[in-house]
Amino acid sequence: MKVQLKSRLTIAKKYNGKELYLAFPAKGSWYLIEHDELVELVGSHTPWLNTISWREKGACSSSAPSSALLAALEGYILKGA
C-alpha cells in the first residue's frame, strides 16, 4: 500500500490513477482513503472540482473540511487498537 502523509485534506491531479492512499488529520481524527475515491467524495460534497485551483493548478486542500465532507469520510477514520 502506497500512502502519502499530508498535514491536511489534499487532492491533486498528479495522484490520479496511482492507487495511492492519503492519510491526513481533520477535526481531531486521522483519515486514510484512496486518493481517487477521495476525489469522488470531494466532488459529491464540495464545489472544489469547479474551482480555478483544481482546474488550472491541479490541486485543492483544506485544514477545515466541511461537515458534509467529514460525514462522508466517517468510514475512513483510523481507529486506535
N, C-alpha and C. Protein backbone atom coordinates (compact mmCIF):
# COMPACT_ATOMS: atom_id res chain seq x y z
N MET A 1 0.84 -1.17 0.00
CA MET A 1 0.00 0.00 0.00
C MET A 1 0.89 1.24 0.00
N LYS A 2 0.70 2.12 -0.96
CA LYS A 2 1.44 3.38 -1.02
C LYS A 2 0.60 4.44 -0.30
N VAL A 3 1.20 5.08 0.70
CA VAL A 3 0.49 6.09 1.50
C VAL A 3 1.27 7.39 1.47
N GLN A 4 0.57 8.46 1.15
CA GLN A 4 1.14 9.81 1.20
C GLN A 4 0.60 10.47 2.45
N LEU A 5 1.48 10.85 3.35
CA LEU A 5 1.08 11.52 4.59
C LEU A 5 0.96 13.01 4.32
N LYS A 6 -0.18 13.59 4.70
CA LYS A 6 -0.44 15.01 4.48
C LYS A 6 -0.78 15.69 5.80
N SER A 7 -0.55 16.98 5.87
CA SER A 7 -0.88 17.74 7.08
C SER A 7 -2.32 18.24 7.06
N ARG A 8 -2.99 18.05 5.91
CA ARG A 8 -4.39 18.48 5.74
C ARG A 8 -5.01 17.70 4.59
N LEU A 9 -6.33 17.71 4.50
CA LEU A 9 -7.01 17.01 3.40
C LEU A 9 -6.56 17.65 2.10
N THR A 10 -6.04 16.83 1.20
CA THR A 10 -5.47 17.31 -0.06
C THR A 10 -5.86 16.38 -1.20
N ILE A 11 -6.23 16.98 -2.33
CA ILE A 11 -6.38 16.21 -3.56
C ILE A 11 -5.51 16.88 -4.62
N ALA A 12 -4.93 16.07 -5.50
CA ALA A 12 -4.06 16.62 -6.54
C ALA A 12 -4.15 15.74 -7.77
N LYS A 13 -4.27 16.35 -8.93
CA LYS A 13 -4.37 15.60 -10.18
C LYS A 13 -3.16 14.69 -10.40
N LYS A 14 -2.00 15.10 -9.88
CA LYS A 14 -0.80 14.27 -10.06
C LYS A 14 -0.91 12.91 -9.37
N TYR A 15 -1.87 12.77 -8.44
CA TYR A 15 -2.08 11.50 -7.74
C TYR A 15 -3.13 10.62 -8.42
N ASN A 16 -3.87 11.16 -9.38
CA ASN A 16 -4.94 10.39 -10.04
C ASN A 16 -4.41 9.11 -10.68
N GLY A 17 -5.14 8.03 -10.48
CA GLY A 17 -4.82 6.76 -11.12
C GLY A 17 -3.57 6.06 -10.62
N LYS A 18 -3.04 6.45 -9.49
CA LYS A 18 -1.78 5.88 -8.99
C LYS A 18 -1.97 4.88 -7.85
N GLU A 19 -3.24 4.56 -7.52
CA GLU A 19 -3.52 3.64 -6.42
C GLU A 19 -2.81 4.08 -5.14
N LEU A 20 -2.86 5.38 -4.89
CA LEU A 20 -2.21 6.00 -3.75
C LEU A 20 -3.23 6.32 -2.68
N TYR A 21 -2.88 6.03 -1.44
CA TYR A 21 -3.73 6.37 -0.30
C TYR A 21 -3.20 7.64 0.35
N LEU A 22 -4.12 8.44 0.88
CA LEU A 22 -3.74 9.64 1.61
C LEU A 22 -4.13 9.49 3.07
N ALA A 23 -3.23 9.89 3.95
CA ALA A 23 -3.52 9.93 5.39
C ALA A 23 -3.40 11.39 5.80
N PHE A 24 -4.43 11.87 6.51
CA PHE A 24 -4.44 13.28 6.90
C PHE A 24 -5.30 13.46 8.15
N PRO A 25 -5.00 14.51 8.94
CA PRO A 25 -5.82 14.81 10.11
C PRO A 25 -6.90 15.83 9.78
N ALA A 26 -8.02 15.74 10.49
CA ALA A 26 -9.09 16.74 10.40
C ALA A 26 -9.96 16.61 11.63
N LYS A 27 -10.24 17.71 12.29
CA LYS A 27 -11.13 17.75 13.45
C LYS A 27 -10.77 16.71 14.52
N GLY A 28 -9.48 16.54 14.78
CA GLY A 28 -9.05 15.66 15.86
C GLY A 28 -8.98 14.18 15.52
N SER A 29 -9.26 13.81 14.28
CA SER A 29 -9.16 12.41 13.85
C SER A 29 -8.21 12.32 12.66
N TRP A 30 -7.69 11.11 12.44
CA TRP A 30 -6.87 10.84 11.25
C TRP A 30 -7.70 10.00 10.29
N TYR A 31 -7.53 10.27 9.00
CA TYR A 31 -8.27 9.58 7.95
C TYR A 31 -7.28 8.90 7.02
N LEU A 32 -7.71 7.77 6.44
CA LEU A 32 -6.92 7.05 5.44
C LEU A 32 -7.88 6.64 4.34
N ILE A 33 -7.63 7.13 3.12
CA ILE A 33 -8.53 6.86 2.00
C ILE A 33 -7.74 6.87 0.69
N GLU A 34 -8.17 6.07 -0.25
CA GLU A 34 -7.55 6.02 -1.57
C GLU A 34 -7.84 7.36 -2.27
N HIS A 35 -6.84 7.95 -2.87
CA HIS A 35 -6.96 9.30 -3.43
C HIS A 35 -8.12 9.44 -4.41
N ASP A 36 -8.25 8.53 -5.38
CA ASP A 36 -9.29 8.68 -6.39
C ASP A 36 -10.69 8.60 -5.77
N GLU A 37 -10.84 7.80 -4.74
CA GLU A 37 -12.10 7.73 -4.01
C GLU A 37 -12.35 9.05 -3.27
N LEU A 38 -11.30 9.63 -2.72
CA LEU A 38 -11.41 10.92 -2.04
C LEU A 38 -11.86 12.00 -3.03
N VAL A 39 -11.30 11.98 -4.23
CA VAL A 39 -11.70 12.96 -5.25
C VAL A 39 -13.20 12.83 -5.54
N GLU A 40 -13.70 11.61 -5.64
CA GLU A 40 -15.13 11.39 -5.88
C GLU A 40 -15.97 11.97 -4.74
N LEU A 41 -15.56 11.73 -3.51
CA LEU A 41 -16.30 12.26 -2.35
C LEU A 41 -16.23 13.78 -2.32
N VAL A 42 -15.07 14.33 -2.59
CA VAL A 42 -14.92 15.79 -2.63
C VAL A 42 -15.85 16.37 -3.70
N GLY A 43 -15.91 15.72 -4.86
CA GLY A 43 -16.78 16.18 -5.94
C GLY A 43 -18.26 16.12 -5.59
N SER A 44 -18.63 15.15 -4.76
CA SER A 44 -20.03 14.98 -4.36
C SER A 44 -20.44 15.92 -3.23
N HIS A 45 -19.48 16.38 -2.43
CA HIS A 45 -19.82 17.12 -1.21
C HIS A 45 -19.25 18.53 -1.13
N THR A 46 -18.50 18.95 -2.15
CA THR A 46 -17.93 20.30 -2.15
C THR A 46 -17.92 20.84 -3.58
N PRO A 47 -17.68 22.13 -3.75
CA PRO A 47 -17.52 22.71 -5.10
C PRO A 47 -16.06 22.72 -5.58
N TRP A 48 -15.17 22.04 -4.87
CA TRP A 48 -13.74 22.12 -5.16
C TRP A 48 -13.38 21.80 -6.60
N LEU A 49 -14.03 20.81 -7.21
CA LEU A 49 -13.64 20.39 -8.56
C LEU A 49 -14.01 21.43 -9.61
N ASN A 50 -14.76 22.45 -9.22
CA ASN A 50 -15.12 23.54 -10.14
C ASN A 50 -14.31 24.80 -9.87
N THR A 51 -13.31 24.71 -9.01
CA THR A 51 -12.51 25.89 -8.68
C THR A 51 -11.34 26.05 -9.64
N ILE A 52 -10.82 27.25 -9.70
CA ILE A 52 -9.63 27.53 -10.50
C ILE A 52 -8.45 26.72 -9.97
N SER A 53 -8.38 26.60 -8.65
CA SER A 53 -7.28 25.85 -8.04
C SER A 53 -7.22 24.43 -8.60
N TRP A 54 -8.36 23.75 -8.68
CA TRP A 54 -8.38 22.37 -9.20
C TRP A 54 -8.22 22.36 -10.71
N ARG A 55 -8.99 23.18 -11.41
CA ARG A 55 -8.99 23.14 -12.88
C ARG A 55 -7.65 23.57 -13.46
N GLU A 56 -7.04 24.63 -12.93
CA GLU A 56 -5.83 25.17 -13.54
C GLU A 56 -4.54 24.76 -12.83
N LYS A 57 -4.59 24.67 -11.50
CA LYS A 57 -3.39 24.31 -10.76
C LYS A 57 -3.32 22.83 -10.44
N GLY A 58 -4.48 22.15 -10.48
CA GLY A 58 -4.50 20.71 -10.30
C GLY A 58 -4.45 20.22 -8.87
N ALA A 59 -4.81 21.09 -7.92
CA ALA A 59 -4.79 20.65 -6.52
C ALA A 59 -5.73 21.51 -5.67
N CYS A 60 -6.22 20.91 -4.59
CA CYS A 60 -7.03 21.61 -3.59
C CYS A 60 -6.73 20.98 -2.24
N SER A 61 -6.84 21.81 -1.19
CA SER A 61 -6.65 21.27 0.15
C SER A 61 -7.41 22.13 1.15
N SER A 62 -7.62 21.55 2.32
CA SER A 62 -8.30 22.28 3.39
C SER A 62 -7.90 21.70 4.74
N SER A 63 -7.64 22.59 5.68
CA SER A 63 -7.38 22.15 7.05
C SER A 63 -8.68 22.06 7.84
N ALA A 64 -9.78 22.55 7.26
CA ALA A 64 -11.09 22.52 7.91
C ALA A 64 -12.18 22.12 6.90
N PRO A 65 -12.21 20.83 6.52
CA PRO A 65 -13.22 20.38 5.56
C PRO A 65 -14.64 20.60 6.10
N SER A 66 -15.58 20.72 5.19
CA SER A 66 -16.97 20.94 5.57
C SER A 66 -17.52 19.76 6.38
N SER A 67 -18.54 20.03 7.15
CA SER A 67 -19.15 18.96 7.95
C SER A 67 -19.76 17.89 7.05
N ALA A 68 -20.28 18.27 5.88
CA ALA A 68 -20.83 17.29 4.94
C ALA A 68 -19.74 16.35 4.44
N LEU A 69 -18.58 16.90 4.11
CA LEU A 69 -17.48 16.06 3.63
C LEU A 69 -16.95 15.18 4.76
N LEU A 70 -16.83 15.72 5.95
CA LEU A 70 -16.37 14.91 7.08
C LEU A 70 -17.35 13.78 7.38
N ALA A 71 -18.64 14.03 7.25
CA ALA A 71 -19.63 12.97 7.45
C ALA A 71 -19.44 11.86 6.41
N ALA A 72 -19.16 12.24 5.16
CA ALA A 72 -18.93 11.25 4.10
C ALA A 72 -17.65 10.46 4.33
N LEU A 73 -16.71 11.04 5.05
CA LEU A 73 -15.42 10.39 5.32
C LEU A 73 -15.42 9.58 6.61
N GLU A 74 -16.54 9.53 7.30
CA GLU A 74 -16.59 8.89 8.62
C GLU A 74 -16.07 7.45 8.61
N GLY A 75 -16.33 6.71 7.56
CA GLY A 75 -15.88 5.33 7.45
C GLY A 75 -14.39 5.17 7.23
N TYR A 76 -13.69 6.27 7.05
CA TYR A 76 -12.26 6.23 6.76
C TYR A 76 -11.41 6.72 7.93
N ILE A 77 -12.04 6.94 9.08
CA ILE A 77 -11.31 7.35 10.28
C ILE A 77 -10.45 6.19 10.77
N LEU A 78 -9.19 6.50 11.07
CA LEU A 78 -8.31 5.48 11.66
C LEU A 78 -8.63 5.40 13.14
N LYS A 79 -8.90 4.20 13.60
CA LYS A 79 -9.24 3.99 14.99
C LYS A 79 -8.07 3.29 15.69
N GLY A 80 -7.81 3.66 16.94
CA GLY A 80 -6.73 3.06 17.71
C GLY A 80 -7.01 1.61 18.04
N ALA A 81 -5.97 0.87 18.33
CA ALA A 81 -6.12 -0.56 18.63
C ALA A 81 -6.63 -0.77 20.02
